[in-house]
Amino acid sequence: MKSGVCGVRSLSQSGIFAGLWEMAQEAGVGLEIDLRKIPVRQETIEICEFFGENPYELASGGCLLMTAESGTKLAAALLREGIPAAVIGRTTRGKERVVYNQGRKRYLDKPRY
């Protein structure tokens, strides 16, 4: 809380895409996310490619999605404590939930449960 956390969501029952959608829906905000900044292990990507799965839709036990006034400060505080963290995007006014990947823009789909 000292680092300005505004919201926290566990991704243990959903993937990052579902967590992002739900968090934005509940907060009434839009999103701009950089797909390449979402940390995913190479072996996860390779296994997902083999089975035709999307790694961003996998249940992600042990992962938390957090919002804060300053994502950079929050990530730095977590890293100082030995907790892996990355700033993957920001909230925006409006309702658009946009994911960028190497300059290409796509809209986040509503999760399928």
PDB file of N, CA and C in Angstrom:
ATOM      1  N   MET A   1       0.822  -1.195   0.000  1.00  0.00           N
ATOM      2  CA  MET A   1       0.000   0.000   0.000  1.00  0.00           C
ATOM      3  C   MET A   1       0.868   1.263   0.000  1.00  0.00           C
ATOM      4  N   LYS A   2       2.062   1.179   0.607  1.00  0.00           N
ATOM      5  CA  LYS A   2       2.956   2.334   0.637  1.00  0.00           C
ATOM      6  C   LYS A   2       3.379   2.749  -0.768  1.00  0.00           C
ATOM      7  N   SER A   3       3.305   1.822  -1.705  1.00  0.00           N
ATOM      8  CA  SER A   3       3.741   2.109  -3.070  1.00  0.00           C
ATOM      9  C   SER A   3       2.615   2.608  -3.961  1.00  0.00           C
ATOM     10  N   GLY A   4       1.449   2.914  -3.393  1.00  0.00           N
ATOM     11  CA  GLY A   4       0.350   3.500  -4.153  1.00  0.00           C
ATOM     12  C   GLY A   4      -0.539   2.516  -4.885  1.00  0.00           C
ATOM     13  N   VAL A   5      -0.633   1.287  -4.418  1.00  0.00           N
ATOM     14  CA  VAL A   5      -1.477   0.284  -5.071  1.00  0.00           C
ATOM     15  C   VAL A   5      -2.941   0.709  -4.980  1.00  0.00           C
ATOM     16  N   CYS A   6      -3.618   0.700  -6.125  1.00  0.00           N
ATOM     17  CA  CYS A   6      -5.047   1.063  -6.179  1.00  0.00           C
ATOM     18  C   CYS A   6      -5.939  -0.170  -6.321  1.00  0.00           C
ATOM     19  N   GLY A   7      -5.420  -1.193  -6.981  1.00  0.00           N
ATOM     20  CA  GLY A   7      -6.204  -2.394  -7.214  1.00  0.00           C
ATOM     21  C   GLY A   7      -5.311  -3.603  -7.377  1.00  0.00           C
ATOM     22  N   VAL A   8      -5.829  -4.777  -6.954  1.00  0.00           N
ATOM     23  CA  VAL A   8      -5.087  -6.032  -7.064  1.00  0.00           C
ATOM     24  C   VAL A   8      -6.047  -7.111  -7.532  1.00  0.00           C
ATOM     25  N   ARG A   9      -5.593  -7.941  -8.456  1.00  0.00           N
ATOM     26  CA  ARG A   9      -6.400  -9.064  -8.933  1.00  0.00           C
ATOM     27  C   ARG A   9      -5.490 -10.278  -9.087  1.00  0.00           C
ATOM     28  N   SER A  10      -5.913 -11.386  -8.515  1.00  0.00           N
ATOM     29  CA  SER A  10      -5.202 -12.651  -8.677  1.00  0.00           C
ATOM     30  C   SER A  10      -5.532 -13.221 -10.052  1.00  0.00           C
ATOM     31  N   LEU A  11      -4.533 -13.785 -10.702  1.00  0.00           N
ATOM     32  CA  LEU A  11      -4.750 -14.381 -12.027  1.00  0.00           C
ATOM     33  C   LEU A  11      -4.760 -15.903 -11.953  1.00  0.00           C
ATOM     34  N   SER A  12      -4.922 -16.447 -10.742  1.00  0.00           N
ATOM     35  CA  SER A  12      -4.841 -17.896 -10.565  1.00  0.00           C
ATOM     36  C   SER A  12      -5.977 -18.647 -11.265  1.00  0.00           C
ATOM     37  N   GLN A  13      -7.128 -18.021 -11.424  1.00  0.00           N
ATOM     38  CA  GLN A  13      -8.257 -18.681 -12.085  1.00  0.00           C
ATOM     39  C   GLN A  13      -8.444 -18.237 -13.530  1.00  0.00           C
ATOM     40  N   SER A  14      -7.663 -17.249 -13.949  1.00  0.00           N
ATOM     41  CA  SER A  14      -7.807 -16.736 -15.311  1.00  0.00           C
ATOM     42  C   SER A  14      -6.437 -16.373 -15.851  1.00  0.00           C
ATOM     43  N   GLY A  15      -6.389 -16.022 -17.086  1.00  0.00           N
ATOM     44  CA  GLY A  15      -5.152 -15.536 -17.671  1.00  0.00           C
ATOM     45  C   GLY A  15      -5.062 -14.022 -17.562  1.00  0.00           C
ATOM     46  N   ILE A  16      -3.963 -13.488 -18.038  1.00  0.00           N
ATOM     47  CA  ILE A  16      -3.739 -12.047 -17.971  1.00  0.00           C
ATOM     48  C   ILE A  16      -4.800 -11.293 -18.766  1.00  0.00           C
ATOM     49  N   PHE A  17      -5.192 -11.804 -19.944  1.00  0.00           N
ATOM     50  CA  PHE A  17      -6.196 -11.091 -20.733  1.00  0.00           C
ATOM     51  C   PHE A  17      -7.514 -10.979 -19.988  1.00  0.00           C
ATOM     52  N   ALA A  18      -7.972 -12.072 -19.368  1.00  0.00           N
ATOM     53  CA  ALA A  18      -9.232 -12.033 -18.610  1.00  0.00           C
ATOM     54  C   ALA A  18      -9.095 -11.101 -17.410  1.00  0.00           C
ATOM     55  N   GLY A  19      -7.958 -11.164 -16.727  1.00  0.00           N
ATOM     56  CA  GLY A  19      -7.739 -10.297 -15.577  1.00  0.00           C
ATOM     57  C   GLY A  19      -7.746  -8.829 -15.952  1.00  0.00           C
ATOM     58  N   LEU A  20      -7.125  -8.505 -17.072  1.00  0.00           N
ATOM     59  CA  LEU A  20      -7.122  -7.117 -17.545  1.00  0.00           C
ATOM     60  C   LEU A  20      -8.537  -6.653 -17.862  1.00  0.00           C
ATOM     61  N   TRP A  21      -9.281  -7.481 -18.580  1.00  0.00           N
ATOM     62  CA  TRP A  21     -10.660  -7.144 -18.952  1.00  0.00           C
ATOM     63  C   TRP A  21     -11.505  -6.900 -17.701  1.00  0.00           C
ATOM     64  N   GLU A  22     -11.436  -7.833 -16.762  1.00  0.00           N
ATOM     65  CA  GLU A  22     -12.253  -7.734 -15.549  1.00  0.00           C
ATOM     66  C   GLU A  22     -11.886  -6.507 -14.720  1.00  0.00           C
ATOM     67  N   MET A  23     -10.593  -6.243 -14.575  1.00  0.00           N
ATOM     68  CA  MET A  23     -10.162  -5.101 -13.780  1.00  0.00           C
ATOM     69  C   MET A  23     -10.638  -3.796 -14.422  1.00  0.00           C
ATOM     70  N   ALA A  24     -10.504  -3.692 -15.731  1.00  0.00           N
ATOM     71  CA  ALA A  24     -10.949  -2.483 -16.428  1.00  0.00           C
ATOM     72  C   ALA A  24     -12.461  -2.333 -16.336  1.00  0.00           C
ATOM     73  N   GLN A  25     -13.183  -3.435 -16.475  1.00  0.00           N
ATOM     74  CA  GLN A  25     -14.648  -3.407 -16.394  1.00  0.00           C
ATOM     75  C   GLN A  25     -15.098  -2.900 -15.029  1.00  0.00           C
ATOM     76  N   GLU A  26     -14.508  -3.451 -13.979  1.00  0.00           N
ATOM     77  CA  GLU A  26     -14.891  -3.062 -12.619  1.00  0.00           C
ATOM     78  C   GLU A  26     -14.544  -1.605 -12.309  1.00  0.00           C
ATOM     79  N   ALA A  27     -13.417  -1.131 -12.850  1.00  0.00           N
ATOM     80  CA  ALA A  27     -12.974   0.241 -12.568  1.00  0.00           C
ATOM     81  C   ALA A  27     -13.581   1.259 -13.521  1.00  0.00           C
ATOM     82  N   GLY A  28     -14.197   0.790 -14.604  1.00  0.00           N
ATOM     83  CA  GLY A  28     -14.789   1.703 -15.579  1.00  0.00           C
ATOM     84  C   GLY A  28     -13.750   2.495 -16.363  1.00  0.00           C
ATOM     85  N   VAL A  29     -12.639   1.834 -16.692  1.00  0.00           N
ATOM     86  CA  VAL A  29     -11.565   2.500 -17.422  1.00  0.00           C
ATOM     87  C   VAL A  29     -11.207   1.715 -18.676  1.00  0.00           C
ATOM     88  N   GLY A  30     -10.427   2.349 -19.528  1.00  0.00           N
ATOM     89  CA  GLY A  30      -9.854   1.679 -20.674  1.00  0.00           C
ATOM     90  C   GLY A  30      -8.433   1.256 -20.359  1.00  0.00           C
ATOM     91  N   LEU A  31      -7.812   0.575 -21.310  1.00  0.00           N
ATOM     92  CA  LEU A  31      -6.445   0.093 -21.126  1.00  0.00           C
ATOM     93  C   LEU A  31      -5.623   0.286 -22.386  1.00  0.00           C
ATOM     94  N   GLU A  32      -4.343   0.509 -22.208  1.00  0.00           N
ATOM     95  CA  GLU A  32      -3.355   0.428 -23.269  1.00  0.00           C
ATOM     96  C   GLU A  32      -2.256  -0.479 -22.748  1.00  0.00           C
ATOM     97  N   ILE A  33      -2.109  -1.655 -23.355  1.00  0.00           N
ATOM     98  CA  ILE A  33      -1.186  -2.676 -22.886  1.00  0.00           C
ATOM     99  C   ILE A  33      -0.172  -2.972 -23.980  1.00  0.00           C
ATOM    100  N   ASP A  34       1.096  -3.124 -23.590  1.00  0.00           N
ATOM    101  CA  ASP A  34       2.157  -3.525 -24.516  1.00  0.00           C
ATOM    102  C   ASP A  34       2.397  -5.014 -24.302  1.00  0.00           C
ATOM    103  N   LEU A  35       1.969  -5.825 -25.252  1.00  0.00           N
ATOM    104  CA  LEU A  35       2.041  -7.274 -25.147  1.00  0.00           C
ATOM    105  C   LEU A  35       3.462  -7.753 -24.867  1.00  0.00           C
ATOM    106  N   ARG A  36       4.436  -7.115 -25.467  1.00  0.00           N
ATOM    107  CA  ARG A  36       5.828  -7.550 -25.315  1.00  0.00           C
ATOM    108  C   ARG A  36       6.385  -7.305 -23.916  1.00  0.00           C
ATOM    109  N   LYS A  37       5.707  -6.494 -23.120  1.00  0.00           N
ATOM    110  CA  LYS A  37       6.174  -6.233 -21.756  1.00  0.00           C
ATOM    111  C   LYS A  37       5.611  -7.221 -20.740  1.00  0.00           C
ATOM    112  N   ILE A  38       4.669  -8.058 -21.170  1.00  0.00           N
ATOM    113  CA  ILE A  38       4.113  -9.070 -20.275  1.00  0.00           C
ATOM    114  C   ILE A  38       5.119 -10.218 -20.193  1.00  0.00           C
ATOM    115  N   PRO A  39       5.664 -10.466 -18.995  1.00  0.00           N
ATOM    116  CA  PRO A  39       6.667 -11.529 -18.896  1.00  0.00           C
ATOM    117  C   PRO A  39       6.047 -12.916 -19.041  1.00  0.00           C
ATOM    118  N   VAL A  40       6.530 -13.666 -20.024  1.00  0.00           N
ATOM    119  CA  VAL A  40       6.102 -15.041 -20.254  1.00  0.00           C
ATOM    120  C   VAL A  40       7.358 -15.863 -20.526  1.00  0.00           C
ATOM    121  N   ARG A  41       7.493 -16.971 -19.841  1.00  0.00           N
ATOM    122  CA  ARG A  41       8.664 -17.825 -20.041  1.00  0.00           C
ATOM    123  C   ARG A  41       8.656 -18.434 -21.444  1.00  0.00           C
ATOM    124  N   GLN A  42       9.822 -18.586 -21.995  1.00  0.00           N
ATOM    125  CA  GLN A  42       9.948 -19.140 -23.345  1.00  0.00           C
ATOM    126  C   GLN A  42       9.352 -20.539 -23.426  1.00  0.00           C
ATOM    127  N   GLU A  43       9.564 -21.356 -22.401  1.00  0.00           N
ATOM    128  CA  GLU A  43       9.019 -22.715 -22.447  1.00  0.00           C
ATOM    129  C   GLU A  43       7.486 -22.701 -22.447  1.00  0.00           C
ATOM    130  N   THR A  44       6.891 -21.714 -21.801  1.00  0.00           N
ATOM    131  CA  THR A  44       5.433 -21.583 -21.821  1.00  0.00           C
ATOM    132  C   THR A  44       4.955 -21.276 -23.235  1.00  0.00           C
ATOM    133  N   ILE A  45       5.642 -20.369 -23.898  1.00  0.00           N
ATOM    134  CA  ILE A  45       5.285 -20.018 -25.277  1.00  0.00           C
ATOM    135  C   ILE A  45       5.401 -21.233 -26.187  1.00  0.00           C
ATOM    136  N   GLU A  46       6.489 -21.989 -26.054  1.00  0.00           N
ATOM    137  CA  GLU A  46       6.701 -23.155 -26.917  1.00  0.00           C
ATOM    138  C   GLU A  46       5.654 -24.237 -26.681  1.00  0.00           C
ATOM    139  N   ILE A  47       5.306 -24.497 -25.429  1.00  0.00           N
ATOM    140  CA  ILE A  47       4.281 -25.498 -25.125  1.00  0.00           C
ATOM    141  C   ILE A  47       2.928 -25.043 -25.669  1.00  0.00           C
ATOM    142  N   CYS A  48       2.608 -23.753 -25.488  1.00  0.00           N
ATOM    143  CA  CYS A  48       1.338 -23.226 -26.005  1.00  0.00           C
ATOM    144  C   CYS A  48       1.279 -23.321 -27.526  1.00  0.00           C
ATOM    145  N   GLU A  49       2.381 -23.019 -28.195  1.00  0.00           N
ATOM    146  CA  GLU A  49       2.414 -23.138 -29.651  1.00  0.00           C
ATOM    147  C   GLU A  49       2.154 -24.586 -30.073  1.00  0.00           C
ATOM    148  N   PHE A  50       2.761 -25.543 -29.386  1.00  0.00           N
ATOM    149  CA  PHE A  50       2.593 -26.959 -29.709  1.00  0.00           C
ATOM    150  C   PHE A  50       1.131 -27.390 -29.580  1.00  0.00           C
ATOM    151  N   PHE A  51       0.463 -26.920 -28.508  1.00  0.00           N
ATOM    152  CA  PHE A  51      -0.920 -27.326 -28.256  1.00  0.00           C
ATOM    153  C   PHE A  51      -1.966 -26.361 -28.805  1.00  0.00           C
ATOM    154  N   GLY A  52      -1.519 -25.294 -29.475  1.00  0.00           N
ATOM    155  CA  GLY A  52      -2.457 -24.344 -30.061  1.00  0.00           C
ATOM    156  C   GLY A  52      -3.185 -23.497 -29.034  1.00  0.00           C
ATOM    157  N   GLU A  53      -2.530 -23.210 -27.932  1.00  0.00           N
ATOM    158  CA  GLU A  53      -3.130 -22.405 -26.869  1.00  0.00           C
ATOM    159  C   GLU A  53      -2.533 -21.000 -26.867  1.00  0.00           C
ATOM    160  N   ASN A  54      -3.248 -20.080 -26.253  1.00  0.00           N
ATOM    161  CA  ASN A  54      -2.768 -18.713 -26.111  1.00  0.00           C
ATOM    162  C   ASN A  54      -2.205 -18.562 -24.698  1.00  0.00           C
ATOM    163  N   PRO A  55      -0.900 -18.265 -24.552  1.00  0.00           N
ATOM    164  CA  PRO A  55      -0.316 -18.174 -23.209  1.00  0.00           C
ATOM    165  C   PRO A  55      -0.932 -17.070 -22.353  1.00  0.00           C
ATOM    166  N   TYR A  56      -1.546 -16.091 -22.980  1.00  0.00           N
ATOM    167  CA  TYR A  56      -2.145 -14.975 -22.248  1.00  0.00           C
ATOM    168  C   TYR A  56      -3.554 -15.301 -21.758  1.00  0.00           C
ATOM    169  N   GLU A  57      -4.041 -16.490 -22.117  1.00  0.00           N
ATOM    170  CA  GLU A  57      -5.360 -16.934 -21.661  1.00  0.00           C
ATOM    171  C   GLU A  57      -5.263 -18.092 -20.669  1.00  0.00           C
ATOM    172  N   LEU A  58      -4.050 -18.495 -20.315  1.00  0.00           N
ATOM    173  CA  LEU A  58      -3.862 -19.587 -19.358  1.00  0.00           C
ATOM    174  C   LEU A  58      -4.045 -19.089 -17.934  1.00  0.00           C
ATOM    175  N   ALA A  59      -4.622 -19.933 -17.067  1.00  0.00           N
ATOM    176  CA  ALA A  59      -4.652 -19.618 -15.637  1.00  0.00           C
ATOM    177  C   ALA A  59      -3.223 -19.385 -15.196  1.00  0.00           C
ATOM    178  N   SER A  60      -3.013 -18.359 -14.412  1.00  0.00           N
ATOM    179  CA  SER A  60      -1.659 -17.924 -14.065  1.00  0.00           C
ATOM    180  C   SER A  60      -1.478 -17.893 -12.554  1.00  0.00           C
ATOM    181  N   GLY A  61      -1.486 -19.071 -11.950  1.00  0.00           N
ATOM    182  CA  GLY A  61      -1.335 -19.187 -10.509  1.00  0.00           C
ATOM    183  C   GLY A  61      -0.080 -18.501 -10.005  1.00  0.00           C
ATOM    184  N   GLY A  62      -0.230 -17.782  -8.914  1.00  0.00           N
ATOM    185  CA  GLY A  62       0.898 -17.076  -8.321  1.00  0.00           C
ATOM    186  C   GLY A  62       1.138 -15.694  -8.879  1.00  0.00           C
ATOM    187  N   CYS A  63       0.363 -15.303  -9.873  1.00  0.00           N
ATOM    188  CA  CYS A  63       0.536 -13.982 -10.493  1.00  0.00           C
ATOM    189  C   CYS A  63      -0.546 -13.018 -10.018  1.00  0.00           C
ATOM    190  N   LEU A  64      -0.148 -11.779  -9.855  1.00  0.00           N
ATOM    191  CA  LEU A  64      -1.076 -10.722  -9.482  1.00  0.00           C
ATOM    192  C   LEU A  64      -1.014  -9.611 -10.511  1.00  0.00           C
ATOM    193  N   LEU A  65      -2.147  -9.031 -10.795  1.00  0.00           N
ATOM    194  CA  LEU A  65      -2.252  -7.844 -11.633  1.00  0.00           C
ATOM    195  C   LEU A  65      -2.552  -6.689 -10.687  1.00  0.00           C
ATOM    196  N   MET A  66      -1.730  -5.643 -10.752  1.00  0.00           N
ATOM    197  CA  MET A  66      -1.898  -4.510  -9.847  1.00  0.00           C
ATOM    198  C   MET A  66      -1.987  -3.215 -10.628  1.00  0.00           C
ATOM    199  N   THR A  67      -2.771  -2.288 -10.099  1.00  0.00           N
ATOM    200  CA  THR A  67      -2.783  -0.932 -10.627  1.00  0.00           C
ATOM    201  C   THR A  67      -2.264  -0.018  -9.518  1.00  0.00           C
ATOM    202  N   ALA A  68      -1.606   1.053  -9.952  1.00  0.00           N
ATOM    203  CA  ALA A  68      -1.041   2.004  -8.996  1.00  0.00           C
ATOM    204  C   ALA A  68      -0.957   3.359  -9.663  1.00  0.00           C
ATOM    205  N   GLU A  69      -0.853   4.387  -8.844  1.00  0.00           N
ATOM    206  CA  GLU A  69      -0.676   5.734  -9.387  1.00  0.00           C
ATOM    207  C   GLU A  69       0.580   5.805 -10.225  1.00  0.00           C
ATOM    208  N   SER A  70       1.646   5.139  -9.799  1.00  0.00           N
ATOM    209  CA  SER A  70       2.894   5.070 -10.557  1.00  0.00           C
ATOM    210  C   SER A  70       3.337   3.621 -10.646  1.00  0.00           C
ATOM    211  N   GLY A  71       3.112   3.015 -11.796  1.00  0.00           N
ATOM    212  CA  GLY A  71       3.527   1.636 -12.001  1.00  0.00           C
ATOM    213  C   GLY A  71       5.027   1.465 -11.877  1.00  0.00           C
ATOM    214  N   THR A  72       5.766   2.469 -12.308  1.00  0.00           N
ATOM    215  CA  THR A  72       7.229   2.406 -12.240  1.00  0.00           C
ATOM    216  C   THR A  72       7.694   2.336 -10.788  1.00  0.00           C
ATOM    217  N   LYS A  73       7.121   3.164  -9.926  1.00  0.00           N
ATOM    218  CA  LYS A  73       7.498   3.141  -8.502  1.00  0.00           C
ATOM    219  C   LYS A  73       7.094   1.822  -7.854  1.00  0.00           C
ATOM    220  N   LEU A  74       5.911   1.335  -8.182  1.00  0.00           N
ATOM    221  CA  LEU A  74       5.450   0.074  -7.618  1.00  0.00           C
ATOM    222  C   LEU A  74       6.369  -1.064  -8.048  1.00  0.00           C
ATOM    223  N   ALA A  75       6.683  -1.143  -9.338  1.00  0.00           N
ATOM    224  CA  ALA A  75       7.561  -2.207  -9.835  1.00  0.00           C
ATOM    225  C   ALA A  75       8.933  -2.137  -9.170  1.00  0.00           C
ATOM    226  N   ALA A  76       9.464  -0.942  -9.012  1.00  0.00           N
ATOM    227  CA  ALA A  76      10.772  -0.777  -8.365  1.00  0.00           C
ATOM    228  C   ALA A  76      10.724  -1.259  -6.915  1.00  0.00           C
ATOM    229  N   ALA A  77       9.644  -0.938  -6.200  1.00  0.00           N
ATOM    230  CA  ALA A  77       9.508  -1.366  -4.805  1.00  0.00           C
ATOM    231  C   ALA A  77       9.413  -2.888  -4.710  1.00  0.00           C
ATOM    232  N   LEU A  78       8.674  -3.505  -5.605  1.00  0.00           N
ATOM    233  CA  LEU A  78       8.553  -4.961  -5.610  1.00  0.00           C
ATOM    234  C   LEU A  78       9.897  -5.610  -5.943  1.00  0.00           C
ATOM    235  N   LEU A  79      10.578  -5.083  -6.932  1.00  0.00           N
ATOM    236  CA  LEU A  79      11.880  -5.621  -7.328  1.00  0.00           C
ATOM    237  C   LEU A  79      12.888  -5.526  -6.187  1.00  0.00           C
ATOM    238  N   ARG A  80      12.845  -4.438  -5.422  1.00  0.00           N
ATOM    239  CA  ARG A  80      13.738  -4.289  -4.263  1.00  0.00           C
ATOM    240  C   ARG A  80      13.504  -5.389  -3.234  1.00  0.00           C
ATOM    241  N   GLU A  81      12.278  -5.897  -3.188  1.00  0.00           N
ATOM    242  CA  GLU A  81      11.932  -6.967  -2.251  1.00  0.00           C
ATOM    243  C   GLU A  81      12.132  -8.352  -2.864  1.00  0.00           C
ATOM    244  N   GLY A  82      12.690  -8.398  -4.072  1.00  0.00           N
ATOM    245  CA  GLY A  82      12.937  -9.678  -4.734  1.00  0.00           C
ATOM    246  C   GLY A  82      11.720 -10.274  -5.404  1.00  0.00           C
ATOM    247  N   ILE A  83      10.707  -9.464  -5.631  1.00  0.00           N
ATOM    248  CA  ILE A  83       9.467  -9.922  -6.274  1.00  0.00           C
ATOM    249  C   ILE A  83       9.489  -9.482  -7.733  1.00  0.00           C
ATOM    250  N   PRO A  84       9.457 -10.433  -8.680  1.00  0.00           N
ATOM    251  CA  PRO A  84       9.457 -10.046 -10.088  1.00  0.00           C
ATOM    252  C   PRO A  84       8.249  -9.166 -10.416  1.00  0.00           C
ATOM    253  N   ALA A  85       8.483  -8.087 -11.167  1.00  0.00           N
ATOM    254  CA  ALA A  85       7.407  -7.155 -11.511  1.00  0.00           C
ATOM    255  C   ALA A  85       7.734  -6.473 -12.833  1.00  0.00           C
ATOM    256  N   ALA A  86       6.695  -6.095 -13.560  1.00  0.00           N
ATOM    257  CA  ALA A  86       6.866  -5.376 -14.820  1.00  0.00           C
ATOM    258  C   ALA A  86       5.688  -4.433 -15.021  1.00  0.00           C
ATOM    259  N   VAL A  87       5.962  -3.285 -15.598  1.00  0.00           N
ATOM    260  CA  VAL A  87       4.904  -2.353 -15.995  1.00  0.00           C
ATOM    261  C   VAL A  87       4.519  -2.736 -17.417  1.00  0.00           C
ATOM    262  N   ILE A  88       3.256  -3.125 -17.612  1.00  0.00           N
ATOM    263  CA  ILE A  88       2.831  -3.620 -18.927  1.00  0.00           C
ATOM    264  C   ILE A  88       1.911  -2.656 -19.661  1.00  0.00           C
ATOM    265  N   GLY A  89       1.495  -1.589 -19.000  1.00  0.00           N
ATOM    266  CA  GLY A  89       0.598  -0.648 -19.658  1.00  0.00           C
ATOM    267  C   GLY A  89       0.054   0.374 -18.693  1.00  0.00           C
ATOM    268  N   ARG A  90      -1.090   0.940 -19.102  1.00  0.00           N
ATOM    269  CA  ARG A  90      -1.700   1.978 -18.284  1.00  0.00           C
ATOM    270  C   ARG A  90      -3.199   1.979 -18.496  1.00  0.00           C
ATOM    271  N   THR A  91      -3.896   2.586 -17.542  1.00  0.00           N
ATOM    272  CA  THR A  91      -5.328   2.772 -17.707  1.00  0.00           C
ATOM    273  C   THR A  91      -5.561   4.064 -18.480  1.00  0.00           C
ATOM    274  N   THR A  92      -6.713   4.150 -19.124  1.00  0.00           N
ATOM    275  CA  THR A  92      -7.069   5.325 -19.910  1.00  0.00           C
ATOM    276  C   THR A  92      -8.514   5.704 -19.633  1.00  0.00           C
ATOM    277  N   ARG A  93      -8.861   6.917 -20.002  1.00  0.00           N
ATOM    278  CA  ARG A  93     -10.267   7.320 -19.943  1.00  0.00           C
ATOM    279  C   ARG A  93     -11.000   6.603 -21.065  1.00  0.00           C
ATOM    280  N   GLY A  94     -12.261   6.399 -20.910  1.00  0.00           N
ATOM    281  CA  GLY A  94     -13.027   5.717 -21.935  1.00  0.00           C
ATOM    282  C   GLY A  94     -13.119   4.239 -21.642  1.00  0.00           C
ATOM    283  N   LYS A  95     -13.494   3.475 -22.638  1.00  0.00           N
ATOM    284  CA  LYS A  95     -13.744   2.048 -22.451  1.00  0.00           C
ATOM    285  C   LYS A  95     -12.867   1.155 -23.335  1.00  0.00           C
ATOM    286  N   GLU A  96     -12.077   1.737 -24.227  1.00  0.00           N
ATOM    287  CA  GLU A  96     -11.274   0.928 -25.142  1.00  0.00           C
ATOM    288  C   GLU A  96     -10.209   0.154 -24.382  1.00  0.00           C
ATOM    289  N   ARG A  97     -10.087  -1.120 -24.686  1.00  0.00           N
ATOM    290  CA  ARG A  97      -9.063  -1.976 -24.093  1.00  0.00           C
ATOM    291  C   ARG A  97      -8.171  -2.434 -25.230  1.00  0.00           C
ATOM    292  N   VAL A  98      -7.041  -1.748 -25.365  1.00  0.00           N
ATOM    293  CA  VAL A  98      -6.166  -1.915 -26.524  1.00  0.00           C
ATOM    294  C   VAL A  98      -4.891  -2.642 -26.128  1.00  0.00           C
ATOM    295  N   VAL A  99      -4.496  -3.594 -26.971  1.00  0.00           N
ATOM    296  CA  VAL A  99      -3.237  -4.314 -26.793  1.00  0.00           C
ATOM    297  C   VAL A  99      -2.376  -4.014 -28.018  1.00  0.00           C
ATOM    298  N   TYR A 100      -1.155  -3.531 -27.767  1.00  0.00           N
ATOM    299  CA  TYR A 100      -0.208  -3.236 -28.840  1.00  0.00           C
ATOM    300  C   TYR A 100       0.837  -4.346 -28.886  1.00  0.00           C
ATOM    301  N   ASN A 101       1.186  -4.738 -30.099  1.00  0.00           N
ATOM    302  CA  ASN A 101       2.229  -5.734 -30.307  1.00  0.00           C
ATOM    303  C   ASN A 101       3.059  -5.303 -31.502  1.00  0.00           C
ATOM    304  N   GLN A 102       4.250  -4.800 -31.241  1.00  0.00           N
ATOM    305  CA  GLN A 102       5.163  -4.323 -32.280  1.00  0.00           C
ATOM    306  C   GLN A 102       4.474  -3.308 -33.196  1.00  0.00           C
ATOM    307  N   GLY A 103       3.787  -2.365 -32.581  1.00  0.00           N
ATOM    308  CA  GLY A 103       3.140  -1.305 -33.346  1.00  0.00           C
ATOM    309  C   GLY A 103       1.758  -1.647 -33.873  1.00  0.00           C
ATOM    310  N   ARG A 104       1.391  -2.919 -33.844  1.00  0.00           N
ATOM    311  CA  ARG A 104       0.054  -3.320 -34.293  1.00  0.00           C
ATOM    312  C   ARG A 104      -0.927  -3.199 -33.144  1.00  0.00           C
ATOM    313  N   LYS A 105      -2.090  -2.691 -33.435  1.00  0.00           N
ATOM    314  CA  LYS A 105      -3.123  -2.442 -32.432  1.00  0.00           C
ATOM    315  C   LYS A 105      -4.244  -3.459 -32.596  1.00  0.00           C
ATOM    316  N   ARG A 106      -4.652  -4.040 -31.474  1.00  0.00           N
ATOM    317  CA  ARG A 106      -5.835  -4.897 -31.479  1.00  0.00           C
ATOM    318  C   ARG A 106      -6.602  -4.639 -30.194  1.00  0.00           C
ATOM    319  N   TYR A 107      -7.847  -5.009 -30.209  1.00  0.00           N
ATOM    320  CA  TYR A 107      -8.680  -4.795 -29.035  1.00  0.00           C
ATOM    321  C   TYR A 107      -8.772  -6.084 -28.229  1.00  0.00           C
ATOM    322  N   LEU A 108      -8.740  -5.929 -26.921  1.00  0.00           N
ATOM    323  CA  LEU A 108      -8.849  -7.060 -26.018  1.00  0.00           C
ATOM    324  C   LEU A 108     -10.263  -7.616 -26.118  1.00  0.00           C
ATOM    325  N   ASP A 109     -10.370  -8.927 -26.293  1.00  0.00           N
ATOM    326  CA  ASP A 109     -11.676  -9.579 -26.385  1.00  0.00           C
ATOM    327  C   ASP A 109     -12.229  -9.856 -24.989  1.00  0.00           C
ATOM    328  N   LYS A 110     -13.543  -9.831 -24.899  1.00  0.00           N
ATOM    329  CA  LYS A 110     -14.198 -10.201 -23.637  1.00  0.00           C
ATOM    330  C   LYS A 110     -13.854 -11.664 -23.357  1.00  0.00           C
ATOM    331  N   PRO A 111     -13.492 -11.982 -22.115  1.00  0.00           N
ATOM    332  CA  PRO A 111     -13.076 -13.355 -21.807  1.00  0.00           C
ATOM    333  C   PRO A 111     -14.193 -14.363 -22.021  1.00  0.00           C
ATOM    334  N   ARG A 112     -13.788 -15.553 -22.434  1.00  0.00           N
ATOM    335  CA  ARG A 112     -14.692 -16.697 -22.553  1.00  0.00           C
ATOM    336  C   ARG A 112     -14.380 -17.637 -21.409  1.00  0.00           C
ATOM    337  N   TYR A 113     -15.352 -17.902 -20.581  1.00  0.00           N
ATOM    338  CA  TYR A 113     -15.098 -18.750 -19.404  1.00  0.00           C
ATOM    339  C   TYR A 113     -15.563 -20.150 -19.613  1.00  0.00           C
TER     340      TYR A 113
END
